[in-house]
Amino acid sequence: MLEEGQECEYSQRRNRADGFDEEAIAQLLCIPGQDFARTAAGRRVRIMYTSMTTLTQTWMTLLLSNILPSDHNSDLPLPECQLVYAILTRMSVHVAQLIADTIYLFAGMPPTRHPLDPDKSNRAIGFPALITGLCQSFGVPVTPSKVIRPPITRAFIEKYCTPRQAQGGAP
């Protein structure tokens, strides 16, 4: 249990100049022979879904569905890679603070419009189950127009979180 004002190991590490070892992250999160996608200058920026281990894919799905909502889930940006690495190496992580920070960011973001259809938003809905539940508990009639992702079970993992051959790779 963290005392007030105390940071978890993940936050401490993230805030240090020497923070996380990207090579160690790649070795833990990627299938053998795979690595981060890089910028033209060679800077590591994300791990593509096809380069992830099953365990990394599972954690990515959990995080991007429930803790750090995103409608983009074909890769894991470096900061989220650091979070998965922290979890898998058993660092303490203040999940409630991560969720609170994410809600704060979502609440302060101006809506963005879809480039082809200005009547549509181009942003993920953060915490749809929480919002729906709060609305229902206060008597607001709710008829969800979007199906909320199914629970992450063994069947879900076997169907959606298994390493796939990268484009152009050998079978």
N, C-alpha and C. Protein backbone atom coordinates (compact mmCIF):
# COMPACT_ATOMS: atom_id res chain seq x y z
N MET A 1 0.84 -1.18 0.00
CA MET A 1 0.00 0.00 0.00
C MET A 1 0.89 1.24 0.00
N LEU A 2 0.59 2.18 -0.87
CA LEU A 2 1.37 3.41 -0.96
C LEU A 2 0.85 4.46 0.02
N GLU A 3 1.76 5.17 0.62
CA GLU A 3 1.39 6.30 1.48
C GLU A 3 1.08 7.50 0.59
N GLU A 4 0.34 8.46 1.11
CA GLU A 4 0.01 9.65 0.32
C GLU A 4 1.29 10.35 -0.13
N GLY A 5 1.34 10.67 -1.41
CA GLY A 5 2.50 11.33 -1.99
C GLY A 5 3.61 10.39 -2.42
N GLN A 6 3.50 9.12 -2.08
CA GLN A 6 4.52 8.14 -2.45
C GLN A 6 4.25 7.63 -3.86
N GLU A 7 5.30 7.49 -4.65
CA GLU A 7 5.16 6.98 -6.02
C GLU A 7 5.44 5.48 -6.06
N CYS A 8 4.75 4.80 -6.96
CA CYS A 8 5.01 3.38 -7.18
C CYS A 8 6.34 3.23 -7.92
N GLU A 9 6.84 1.99 -7.96
CA GLU A 9 8.12 1.73 -8.62
C GLU A 9 8.07 2.12 -10.10
N TYR A 10 6.95 1.83 -10.75
CA TYR A 10 6.79 2.16 -12.17
C TYR A 10 6.94 3.67 -12.39
N SER A 11 6.26 4.47 -11.61
CA SER A 11 6.34 5.93 -11.76
C SER A 11 7.73 6.45 -11.45
N GLN A 12 8.34 5.91 -10.41
CA GLN A 12 9.70 6.32 -10.07
C GLN A 12 10.64 6.06 -11.25
N ARG A 13 10.53 4.88 -11.81
CA ARG A 13 11.41 4.48 -12.91
C ARG A 13 11.14 5.33 -14.15
N ARG A 14 9.85 5.56 -14.43
CA ARG A 14 9.45 6.35 -15.60
C ARG A 14 9.98 7.78 -15.50
N ASN A 15 10.07 8.31 -14.30
CA ASN A 15 10.48 9.69 -14.11
C ASN A 15 12.00 9.88 -14.03
N ARG A 16 12.75 8.78 -13.99
CA ARG A 16 14.21 8.88 -13.95
C ARG A 16 14.77 9.05 -15.35
N ALA A 17 15.86 9.74 -15.47
CA ALA A 17 16.50 9.95 -16.77
C ALA A 17 16.93 8.63 -17.40
N ASP A 18 17.41 7.69 -16.57
CA ASP A 18 17.85 6.40 -17.10
C ASP A 18 16.73 5.36 -17.07
N GLY A 19 15.53 5.75 -16.69
CA GLY A 19 14.29 4.99 -16.65
C GLY A 19 14.31 3.52 -16.98
N PHE A 20 13.95 3.18 -18.20
CA PHE A 20 13.77 1.79 -18.61
C PHE A 20 14.80 1.40 -19.67
N ASP A 21 15.24 0.16 -19.60
CA ASP A 21 16.17 -0.41 -20.57
C ASP A 21 15.35 -0.94 -21.75
N GLU A 22 15.38 -0.24 -22.87
CA GLU A 22 14.56 -0.61 -24.02
C GLU A 22 14.94 -1.97 -24.59
N GLU A 23 16.19 -2.34 -24.49
CA GLU A 23 16.62 -3.66 -24.96
C GLU A 23 15.97 -4.75 -24.10
N ALA A 24 15.95 -4.55 -22.79
CA ALA A 24 15.31 -5.52 -21.89
C ALA A 24 13.81 -5.60 -22.16
N ILE A 25 13.20 -4.46 -22.44
CA ILE A 25 11.77 -4.44 -22.76
C ILE A 25 11.51 -5.27 -24.02
N ALA A 26 12.30 -5.04 -25.05
CA ALA A 26 12.12 -5.78 -26.31
C ALA A 26 12.29 -7.28 -26.09
N GLN A 27 13.29 -7.67 -25.31
CA GLN A 27 13.53 -9.09 -25.07
C GLN A 27 12.37 -9.75 -24.34
N LEU A 28 11.73 -9.02 -23.43
CA LEU A 28 10.64 -9.59 -22.65
C LEU A 28 9.31 -9.56 -23.41
N LEU A 29 9.04 -8.50 -24.16
CA LEU A 29 7.72 -8.32 -24.77
C LEU A 29 7.60 -8.86 -26.19
N CYS A 30 8.73 -9.01 -26.88
CA CYS A 30 8.69 -9.43 -28.29
C CYS A 30 8.96 -10.92 -28.43
N ILE A 31 8.39 -11.50 -29.50
CA ILE A 31 8.74 -12.88 -29.83
C ILE A 31 10.20 -12.88 -30.31
N PRO A 32 10.91 -13.99 -30.16
CA PRO A 32 12.33 -14.02 -30.56
C PRO A 32 12.52 -13.55 -32.00
N GLY A 33 13.53 -12.72 -32.19
CA GLY A 33 13.86 -12.19 -33.51
C GLY A 33 13.12 -10.91 -33.87
N GLN A 34 12.19 -10.47 -33.02
CA GLN A 34 11.43 -9.24 -33.28
C GLN A 34 11.92 -8.13 -32.36
N ASP A 35 11.55 -6.89 -32.69
CA ASP A 35 12.00 -5.73 -31.92
C ASP A 35 10.97 -4.63 -32.09
N PHE A 36 11.24 -3.50 -31.51
CA PHE A 36 10.42 -2.31 -31.66
C PHE A 36 10.41 -1.86 -33.11
N ALA A 37 9.33 -1.21 -33.53
CA ALA A 37 9.34 -0.46 -34.78
C ALA A 37 10.11 0.82 -34.46
N ARG A 38 10.83 1.32 -35.43
CA ARG A 38 11.70 2.48 -35.18
C ARG A 38 11.39 3.61 -36.15
N THR A 39 11.78 4.81 -35.74
CA THR A 39 11.68 5.97 -36.62
C THR A 39 12.80 5.88 -37.64
N ALA A 40 12.77 6.77 -38.62
CA ALA A 40 13.84 6.81 -39.63
C ALA A 40 15.19 7.06 -38.97
N ALA A 41 15.18 7.76 -37.84
CA ALA A 41 16.43 8.04 -37.12
C ALA A 41 16.86 6.88 -36.22
N GLY A 42 16.04 5.81 -36.17
CA GLY A 42 16.42 4.64 -35.38
C GLY A 42 15.89 4.61 -33.96
N ARG A 43 15.08 5.59 -33.58
CA ARG A 43 14.53 5.64 -32.22
C ARG A 43 13.38 4.64 -32.09
N ARG A 44 13.40 3.85 -31.03
CA ARG A 44 12.32 2.88 -30.78
C ARG A 44 11.05 3.63 -30.39
N VAL A 45 9.93 3.28 -31.04
CA VAL A 45 8.69 4.01 -30.77
C VAL A 45 7.52 3.12 -30.35
N ARG A 46 7.47 1.88 -30.86
CA ARG A 46 6.33 1.01 -30.56
C ARG A 46 6.67 -0.43 -30.90
N ILE A 47 5.88 -1.33 -30.33
CA ILE A 47 5.99 -2.74 -30.72
C ILE A 47 4.69 -3.07 -31.45
N MET A 48 4.85 -3.60 -32.64
CA MET A 48 3.70 -3.98 -33.45
C MET A 48 3.10 -5.28 -32.89
N TYR A 49 1.80 -5.42 -33.04
CA TYR A 49 1.06 -6.58 -32.53
C TYR A 49 1.68 -7.89 -33.00
N THR A 50 2.08 -7.95 -34.26
CA THR A 50 2.64 -9.19 -34.81
C THR A 50 4.01 -9.53 -34.24
N SER A 51 4.63 -8.58 -33.54
CA SER A 51 5.94 -8.82 -32.93
C SER A 51 5.84 -9.20 -31.45
N MET A 52 4.64 -9.17 -30.89
CA MET A 52 4.44 -9.39 -29.45
C MET A 52 4.24 -10.85 -29.10
N THR A 53 4.67 -11.21 -27.90
CA THR A 53 4.36 -12.52 -27.35
C THR A 53 2.87 -12.56 -27.01
N THR A 54 2.34 -13.74 -26.80
CA THR A 54 0.94 -13.89 -26.41
C THR A 54 0.67 -13.14 -25.11
N LEU A 55 1.57 -13.24 -24.15
CA LEU A 55 1.39 -12.56 -22.87
C LEU A 55 1.35 -11.04 -23.06
N THR A 56 2.22 -10.51 -23.91
CA THR A 56 2.22 -9.07 -24.18
C THR A 56 0.92 -8.66 -24.85
N GLN A 57 0.45 -9.44 -25.82
CA GLN A 57 -0.82 -9.14 -26.48
C GLN A 57 -1.98 -9.13 -25.48
N THR A 58 -1.95 -10.07 -24.54
CA THR A 58 -3.01 -10.15 -23.54
C THR A 58 -2.99 -8.92 -22.64
N TRP A 59 -1.82 -8.55 -22.15
CA TRP A 59 -1.72 -7.36 -21.30
C TRP A 59 -2.08 -6.10 -22.08
N MET A 60 -1.67 -6.01 -23.34
CA MET A 60 -2.02 -4.85 -24.15
C MET A 60 -3.54 -4.74 -24.26
N THR A 61 -4.22 -5.85 -24.51
CA THR A 61 -5.67 -5.84 -24.63
C THR A 61 -6.31 -5.39 -23.33
N LEU A 62 -5.85 -5.92 -22.22
CA LEU A 62 -6.38 -5.52 -20.91
C LEU A 62 -6.16 -4.03 -20.66
N LEU A 63 -4.94 -3.57 -20.87
CA LEU A 63 -4.63 -2.17 -20.59
C LEU A 63 -5.41 -1.21 -21.49
N LEU A 64 -5.45 -1.50 -22.79
CA LEU A 64 -6.08 -0.57 -23.72
C LEU A 64 -7.60 -0.68 -23.71
N SER A 65 -8.14 -1.70 -23.06
CA SER A 65 -9.59 -1.82 -22.93
C SER A 65 -10.09 -1.27 -21.61
N ASN A 66 -9.26 -1.33 -20.57
CA ASN A 66 -9.77 -1.05 -19.22
C ASN A 66 -9.02 0.02 -18.43
N ILE A 67 -7.77 0.24 -18.71
CA ILE A 67 -6.99 1.15 -17.86
C ILE A 67 -6.55 2.38 -18.63
N LEU A 68 -6.09 2.20 -19.85
CA LEU A 68 -5.64 3.30 -20.71
C LEU A 68 -6.41 3.21 -22.03
N PRO A 69 -7.72 3.50 -22.02
CA PRO A 69 -8.55 3.23 -23.21
C PRO A 69 -8.00 3.83 -24.49
N SER A 70 -8.09 3.02 -25.54
CA SER A 70 -7.63 3.44 -26.85
C SER A 70 -8.42 2.67 -27.89
N ASP A 71 -8.74 3.32 -28.99
CA ASP A 71 -9.40 2.59 -30.07
C ASP A 71 -8.37 2.06 -31.06
N HIS A 72 -7.12 2.32 -30.77
CA HIS A 72 -6.02 1.89 -31.63
C HIS A 72 -5.28 0.77 -30.91
N ASN A 73 -5.39 -0.46 -31.41
CA ASN A 73 -4.77 -1.56 -30.69
C ASN A 73 -3.99 -2.52 -31.58
N SER A 74 -3.34 -1.97 -32.60
CA SER A 74 -2.50 -2.82 -33.44
C SER A 74 -1.02 -2.72 -33.06
N ASP A 75 -0.74 -1.84 -32.11
CA ASP A 75 0.63 -1.71 -31.62
C ASP A 75 0.59 -1.14 -30.22
N LEU A 76 1.74 -1.17 -29.57
CA LEU A 76 1.86 -0.67 -28.21
C LEU A 76 2.97 0.38 -28.19
N PRO A 77 2.62 1.65 -27.98
CA PRO A 77 3.64 2.71 -27.94
C PRO A 77 4.61 2.49 -26.77
N LEU A 78 5.78 3.09 -26.89
CA LEU A 78 6.84 2.90 -25.90
C LEU A 78 6.38 3.11 -24.45
N PRO A 79 5.65 4.19 -24.11
CA PRO A 79 5.25 4.34 -22.70
C PRO A 79 4.40 3.17 -22.19
N GLU A 80 3.51 2.65 -23.03
CA GLU A 80 2.70 1.51 -22.62
C GLU A 80 3.55 0.23 -22.57
N CYS A 81 4.56 0.14 -23.43
CA CYS A 81 5.50 -0.99 -23.35
C CYS A 81 6.20 -0.97 -22.00
N GLN A 82 6.57 0.21 -21.55
CA GLN A 82 7.22 0.34 -20.25
C GLN A 82 6.29 -0.13 -19.13
N LEU A 83 5.01 0.19 -19.26
CA LEU A 83 4.03 -0.24 -18.25
C LEU A 83 3.89 -1.77 -18.24
N VAL A 84 3.76 -2.38 -19.40
CA VAL A 84 3.66 -3.84 -19.48
C VAL A 84 4.93 -4.48 -18.91
N TYR A 85 6.08 -3.92 -19.24
CA TYR A 85 7.35 -4.42 -18.71
C TYR A 85 7.34 -4.34 -17.18
N ALA A 86 6.89 -3.21 -16.64
CA ALA A 86 6.83 -3.04 -15.19
C ALA A 86 5.93 -4.10 -14.55
N ILE A 87 4.79 -4.35 -15.16
CA ILE A 87 3.86 -5.35 -14.64
C ILE A 87 4.50 -6.73 -14.67
N LEU A 88 5.09 -7.08 -15.81
CA LEU A 88 5.65 -8.43 -15.96
C LEU A 88 6.89 -8.67 -15.10
N THR A 89 7.59 -7.59 -14.73
CA THR A 89 8.75 -7.74 -13.86
C THR A 89 8.39 -7.47 -12.40
N ARG A 90 7.09 -7.40 -12.14
CA ARG A 90 6.54 -7.29 -10.79
C ARG A 90 6.91 -6.00 -10.06
N MET A 91 7.07 -4.91 -10.80
CA MET A 91 7.23 -3.60 -10.15
C MET A 91 5.87 -3.19 -9.60
N SER A 92 5.88 -2.40 -8.54
CA SER A 92 4.59 -1.90 -8.06
C SER A 92 4.08 -0.86 -9.06
N VAL A 93 2.77 -0.90 -9.32
CA VAL A 93 2.12 0.01 -10.25
C VAL A 93 0.85 0.53 -9.58
N HIS A 94 0.72 1.84 -9.49
CA HIS A 94 -0.46 2.47 -8.87
C HIS A 94 -1.55 2.58 -9.94
N VAL A 95 -2.32 1.49 -10.11
CA VAL A 95 -3.32 1.41 -11.18
C VAL A 95 -4.40 2.47 -11.00
N ALA A 96 -4.83 2.73 -9.78
CA ALA A 96 -5.87 3.75 -9.55
C ALA A 96 -5.39 5.11 -10.03
N GLN A 97 -4.12 5.42 -9.83
CA GLN A 97 -3.58 6.70 -10.29
C GLN A 97 -3.54 6.75 -11.82
N LEU A 98 -3.17 5.64 -12.44
CA LEU A 98 -3.17 5.59 -13.91
C LEU A 98 -4.57 5.84 -14.46
N ILE A 99 -5.57 5.20 -13.86
CA ILE A 99 -6.95 5.39 -14.31
C ILE A 99 -7.39 6.83 -14.07
N ALA A 100 -7.10 7.38 -12.90
CA ALA A 100 -7.49 8.76 -12.58
C ALA A 100 -6.83 9.73 -13.56
N ASP A 101 -5.55 9.53 -13.85
CA ASP A 101 -4.86 10.41 -14.79
C ASP A 101 -5.48 10.31 -16.18
N THR A 102 -5.86 9.10 -16.59
CA THR A 102 -6.46 8.90 -17.91
C THR A 102 -7.84 9.56 -17.98
N ILE A 103 -8.64 9.41 -16.93
CA ILE A 103 -9.95 10.07 -16.90
C ILE A 103 -9.77 11.58 -16.98
N TYR A 104 -8.80 12.11 -16.25
CA TYR A 104 -8.53 13.55 -16.28
C TYR A 104 -8.17 14.00 -17.70
N LEU A 105 -7.31 13.22 -18.38
CA LEU A 105 -6.94 13.58 -19.74
C LEU A 105 -8.13 13.52 -20.69
N PHE A 106 -8.95 12.46 -20.57
CA PHE A 106 -10.12 12.33 -21.43
C PHE A 106 -11.09 13.48 -21.22
N ALA A 107 -11.30 13.86 -19.96
CA ALA A 107 -12.25 14.92 -19.64
C ALA A 107 -11.79 16.27 -20.20
N GLY A 108 -10.49 16.48 -20.29
CA GLY A 108 -9.96 17.75 -20.75
C GLY A 108 -9.70 17.84 -22.24
N MET A 109 -9.84 16.73 -22.96
CA MET A 109 -9.56 16.73 -24.40
C MET A 109 -10.73 17.30 -25.18
N PRO A 110 -10.44 18.21 -26.09
CA PRO A 110 -11.54 18.65 -26.96
C PRO A 110 -11.88 17.55 -27.94
N PRO A 111 -13.14 17.45 -28.34
CA PRO A 111 -13.49 16.41 -29.31
C PRO A 111 -12.79 16.66 -30.64
N THR A 112 -12.41 15.59 -31.29
CA THR A 112 -11.82 15.71 -32.62
C THR A 112 -12.80 15.12 -33.61
N ARG A 113 -12.77 15.62 -34.80
CA ARG A 113 -13.70 15.17 -35.83
C ARG A 113 -13.03 14.21 -36.79
N HIS A 114 -13.80 13.26 -37.26
CA HIS A 114 -13.33 12.30 -38.25
C HIS A 114 -13.01 13.07 -39.53
N PRO A 115 -11.87 12.78 -40.18
CA PRO A 115 -11.47 13.56 -41.36
C PRO A 115 -12.44 13.46 -42.54
N LEU A 116 -13.17 12.35 -42.66
CA LEU A 116 -14.07 12.18 -43.79
C LEU A 116 -15.53 12.45 -43.46
N ASP A 117 -15.90 12.32 -42.18
CA ASP A 117 -17.28 12.55 -41.78
C ASP A 117 -17.29 13.46 -40.55
N PRO A 118 -17.50 14.77 -40.73
CA PRO A 118 -17.43 15.71 -39.61
C PRO A 118 -18.49 15.50 -38.54
N ASP A 119 -19.51 14.66 -38.81
CA ASP A 119 -20.51 14.38 -37.79
C ASP A 119 -20.06 13.29 -36.81
N LYS A 120 -18.93 12.64 -37.12
CA LYS A 120 -18.41 11.57 -36.27
C LYS A 120 -17.18 12.05 -35.51
N SER A 121 -17.02 11.52 -34.30
CA SER A 121 -15.82 11.79 -33.52
C SER A 121 -14.71 10.85 -33.99
N ASN A 122 -13.49 11.30 -33.84
CA ASN A 122 -12.34 10.49 -34.23
C ASN A 122 -11.57 10.04 -33.00
N ARG A 123 -12.23 9.99 -31.83
CA ARG A 123 -11.56 9.68 -30.59
C ARG A 123 -12.24 8.52 -29.87
N ALA A 124 -11.45 7.72 -29.17
CA ALA A 124 -12.00 6.61 -28.40
C ALA A 124 -12.85 7.15 -27.25
N ILE A 125 -13.83 6.37 -26.87
CA ILE A 125 -14.61 6.69 -25.68
C ILE A 125 -13.88 6.07 -24.50
N GLY A 126 -13.51 6.87 -23.54
CA GLY A 126 -12.81 6.36 -22.38
C GLY A 126 -13.77 5.76 -21.37
N PHE A 127 -13.49 4.56 -20.93
CA PHE A 127 -14.23 3.88 -19.88
C PHE A 127 -15.73 3.78 -20.17
N PRO A 128 -16.11 3.21 -21.32
CA PRO A 128 -17.53 3.15 -21.66
C PRO A 128 -18.37 2.38 -20.63
N ALA A 129 -17.83 1.31 -20.06
CA ALA A 129 -18.60 0.54 -19.08
C ALA A 129 -18.83 1.37 -17.81
N LEU A 130 -17.83 2.13 -17.39
CA LEU A 130 -17.97 2.99 -16.21
C LEU A 130 -19.02 4.07 -16.47
N ILE A 131 -18.93 4.71 -17.62
CA ILE A 131 -19.88 5.78 -17.96
C ILE A 131 -21.29 5.22 -18.04
N THR A 132 -21.46 4.09 -18.71
CA THR A 132 -22.77 3.46 -18.83
C THR A 132 -23.32 3.07 -17.46
N GLY A 133 -22.48 2.48 -16.63
CA GLY A 133 -22.91 2.09 -15.29
C GLY A 133 -23.32 3.27 -14.43
N LEU A 134 -22.56 4.36 -14.49
CA LEU A 134 -22.92 5.56 -13.73
C LEU A 134 -24.23 6.14 -14.22
N CYS A 135 -24.40 6.21 -15.53
CA CYS A 135 -25.67 6.71 -16.09
C CYS A 135 -26.84 5.86 -15.60
N GLN A 136 -26.70 4.55 -15.70
CA GLN A 136 -27.78 3.66 -15.28
C GLN A 136 -28.09 3.81 -13.79
N SER A 137 -27.04 3.96 -12.97
CA SER A 137 -27.27 4.08 -11.53
C SER A 137 -27.98 5.38 -11.16
N PHE A 138 -27.92 6.37 -12.03
CA PHE A 138 -28.62 7.64 -11.78
C PHE A 138 -29.92 7.74 -12.58
N GLY A 139 -30.39 6.60 -13.12
CA GLY A 139 -31.68 6.56 -13.78
C GLY A 139 -31.71 7.05 -15.22
N VAL A 140 -30.55 7.27 -15.81
CA VAL A 140 -30.51 7.69 -17.21
C VAL A 140 -30.74 6.47 -18.09
N PRO A 141 -31.75 6.54 -18.98
CA PRO A 141 -31.96 5.38 -19.86
C PRO A 141 -30.76 5.19 -20.79
N VAL A 142 -30.30 3.97 -20.86
CA VAL A 142 -29.10 3.68 -21.65
C VAL A 142 -29.43 2.62 -22.69
N THR A 143 -29.14 2.94 -23.93
CA THR A 143 -29.24 1.96 -25.02
C THR A 143 -27.92 2.05 -25.78
N PRO A 144 -26.93 1.27 -25.33
CA PRO A 144 -25.60 1.35 -25.96
C PRO A 144 -25.67 1.07 -27.47
N SER A 145 -24.98 1.92 -28.23
CA SER A 145 -24.95 1.74 -29.68
C SER A 145 -23.71 0.95 -30.10
N LYS A 146 -22.78 0.77 -29.18
CA LYS A 146 -21.57 0.03 -29.48
C LYS A 146 -21.43 -1.10 -28.47
N VAL A 147 -21.15 -2.28 -28.95
CA VAL A 147 -20.98 -3.42 -28.07
C VAL A 147 -19.65 -3.29 -27.34
N ILE A 148 -19.69 -3.47 -26.04
CA ILE A 148 -18.47 -3.40 -25.24
C ILE A 148 -17.72 -4.71 -25.43
N ARG A 149 -16.40 -4.60 -25.55
CA ARG A 149 -15.54 -5.76 -25.79
C ARG A 149 -15.85 -6.88 -24.80
N PRO A 150 -15.82 -8.13 -25.26
CA PRO A 150 -16.10 -9.26 -24.35
C PRO A 150 -15.01 -9.39 -23.29
N PRO A 151 -15.31 -10.12 -22.21
CA PRO A 151 -14.30 -10.30 -21.17
C PRO A 151 -13.06 -11.02 -21.72
N ILE A 152 -11.94 -10.75 -21.11
CA ILE A 152 -10.69 -11.37 -21.53
C ILE A 152 -10.58 -12.72 -20.82
N THR A 153 -10.98 -13.76 -21.52
CA THR A 153 -10.97 -15.12 -20.99
C THR A 153 -9.94 -15.94 -21.77
N ARG A 154 -9.78 -17.19 -21.39
CA ARG A 154 -8.85 -18.07 -22.10
C ARG A 154 -9.24 -18.17 -23.58
N ALA A 155 -10.54 -18.29 -23.86
CA ALA A 155 -11.00 -18.40 -25.25
C ALA A 155 -10.67 -17.11 -26.02
N PHE A 156 -10.85 -15.96 -25.38
CA PHE A 156 -10.51 -14.68 -26.02
C PHE A 156 -9.02 -14.64 -26.34
N ILE A 157 -8.19 -15.03 -25.38
CA ILE A 157 -6.74 -15.02 -25.57
C ILE A 157 -6.33 -15.96 -26.69
N GLU A 158 -6.91 -17.17 -26.72
CA GLU A 158 -6.56 -18.12 -27.77
C GLU A 158 -6.97 -17.62 -29.15
N LYS A 159 -8.09 -16.88 -29.21
CA LYS A 159 -8.57 -16.39 -30.49
C LYS A 159 -7.83 -15.14 -30.95
N TYR A 160 -7.57 -14.20 -30.04
CA TYR A 160 -7.06 -12.89 -30.43
C TYR A 160 -5.62 -12.59 -30.01
N CYS A 161 -5.04 -13.34 -29.12
CA CYS A 161 -3.72 -13.00 -28.58
C CYS A 161 -2.68 -14.08 -28.83
N THR A 162 -2.63 -14.60 -30.02
CA THR A 162 -1.61 -15.58 -30.34
C THR A 162 -0.68 -14.97 -31.36
N PRO A 163 0.60 -15.22 -31.24
CA PRO A 163 1.54 -14.63 -32.20
C PRO A 163 1.16 -15.01 -33.63
N ARG A 164 1.15 -14.00 -34.46
CA ARG A 164 0.88 -14.20 -35.88
C ARG A 164 2.17 -13.94 -36.64
N GLN A 165 2.31 -14.58 -37.75
CA GLN A 165 3.50 -14.37 -38.57
C GLN A 165 3.50 -12.96 -39.12
N ALA A 166 4.60 -12.23 -38.94
CA ALA A 166 4.72 -10.88 -39.48
C ALA A 166 4.67 -10.93 -41.01
N GLN A 167 4.23 -9.86 -41.62
CA GLN A 167 4.16 -9.77 -43.09
C GLN A 167 5.55 -10.08 -43.67
N GLY A 168 5.57 -10.92 -44.67
CA GLY A 168 6.82 -11.21 -45.37
C GLY A 168 7.70 -12.22 -44.65
N GLY A 169 7.24 -12.72 -43.48
CA GLY A 169 8.06 -13.66 -42.72
C GLY A 169 7.90 -15.08 -43.23
N ALA A 170 8.77 -15.92 -42.82
CA ALA A 170 8.68 -17.33 -43.19
C ALA A 170 7.58 -18.00 -42.39
N PRO A 171 6.92 -19.01 -42.93
CA PRO A 171 5.83 -19.69 -42.21
C PRO A 171 6.32 -20.46 -41.03
